[in-house]
């Protein structure tokens, strides 16, 4: 099994598509997922090696619009 992390954020719902495009532009640093039960919440699946970079990107985006880290949890992938 490979360990990954789930970084959960509260963001401006209008910016979710933009966030997804930015993370995709970094090729492989994470995968953005939308929490449809909680509008404005996303999670980004990252590895331990990309965690810091994703958090840095999200902090930078947080200077432009609402971005708040809610939680960080470990996932297990098969």
Protein backbone atom coordinates (compact mmCIF):
# COMPACT_ATOMS: atom_id res chain seq x y z
CA UNK A 1 0.00 0.00 0.00
CA UNK A 2 1.06 3.56 -0.66
CA UNK A 3 0.33 6.31 1.84
CA UNK A 4 -1.25 9.51 0.58
CA UNK A 5 -2.61 12.53 2.37
CA UNK A 6 -5.94 14.27 2.01
CA UNK A 7 -5.71 18.04 2.41
CA UNK A 8 -9.23 19.42 2.97
CA UNK A 9 -9.86 23.11 2.25
CA UNK A 10 -12.71 25.58 2.46
CA UNK A 11 -12.54 27.78 -0.65
CA UNK A 12 -14.57 30.28 -2.62
CA UNK A 13 -16.91 27.99 -4.64
CA UNK A 14 -16.50 30.19 -7.71
CA UNK A 15 -12.74 29.47 -7.70
CA UNK A 16 -12.85 25.64 -7.56
CA UNK A 17 -12.37 25.21 -11.31
CA UNK A 18 -9.44 27.66 -11.24
CA UNK A 19 -7.84 25.78 -8.32
CA UNK A 20 -8.24 22.51 -10.23
CA UNK A 21 -6.55 23.98 -13.32
CA UNK A 22 -3.65 25.36 -11.26
CA UNK A 23 -3.03 22.03 -9.50
CA UNK A 24 -3.23 20.18 -12.84
CA UNK A 25 -0.74 22.64 -14.35
CA UNK A 26 1.84 21.45 -11.82
CA UNK A 27 1.55 17.92 -13.29
CA UNK A 28 1.28 15.29 -10.64
CA UNK A 29 1.43 17.26 -7.39
CA UNK A 30 -2.15 16.43 -6.45
CA UNK A 31 -5.69 15.60 -7.45
CA UNK A 32 -8.51 18.02 -6.64
CA UNK A 33 -11.85 16.54 -5.53
CA UNK A 34 -15.08 18.40 -4.77
CA UNK A 35 -17.16 17.65 -1.69
CA UNK A 36 -20.67 17.91 -3.16
CA UNK A 37 -22.24 17.55 0.30
CA UNK A 38 -20.41 20.65 1.58
CA UNK A 39 -20.42 23.50 -0.94
CA UNK A 40 -17.11 25.32 -1.00
CA UNK A 41 -15.14 22.37 0.36
CA UNK A 42 -12.55 20.45 -1.63
CA UNK A 43 -9.86 17.96 -0.83
CA UNK A 44 -6.58 17.44 -2.60
CA UNK A 45 -4.97 14.00 -2.59
CA UNK A 46 -1.19 14.43 -2.31
CA UNK A 47 1.87 12.35 -1.49
CA UNK A 48 4.25 13.13 1.33
CA UNK A 49 6.67 14.40 -1.34
CA UNK A 50 4.19 16.88 -2.85
CA UNK A 51 2.42 17.96 0.35
CA UNK A 52 4.57 21.06 1.00
CA UNK A 53 4.35 22.26 -2.60
CA UNK A 54 0.56 21.94 -2.69
CA UNK A 55 0.25 23.77 0.63
CA UNK A 56 2.49 26.53 -0.73
CA UNK A 57 0.39 26.86 -3.91
CA UNK A 58 -2.82 26.97 -1.88
CA UNK A 59 -1.37 29.57 0.51
CA UNK A 60 -0.45 31.72 -2.48
CA UNK A 61 -3.97 31.37 -3.89
CA UNK A 62 -5.26 32.33 -0.45
CA UNK A 63 -3.81 35.81 -1.02
CA UNK A 64 -6.26 36.24 -3.91
CA UNK A 65 -9.44 34.60 -2.54
CA UNK A 66 -10.72 32.52 0.39
CA UNK A 67 -8.61 29.42 1.02
CA UNK A 68 -8.63 27.83 4.48
CA UNK A 69 -7.01 24.52 5.38
CA UNK A 70 -9.58 22.50 7.34
CA UNK A 71 -7.73 19.23 7.92
CA UNK A 72 -4.94 16.90 6.88
CA UNK A 73 -5.55 13.15 7.00
CA UNK A 74 -3.71 10.06 5.84
CA UNK A 75 -5.29 7.82 3.21
CA UNK A 76 -4.38 4.27 2.30
CA UNK A 77 -4.43 3.27 -1.35
CA UNK A 78 -4.24 -0.29 -2.59
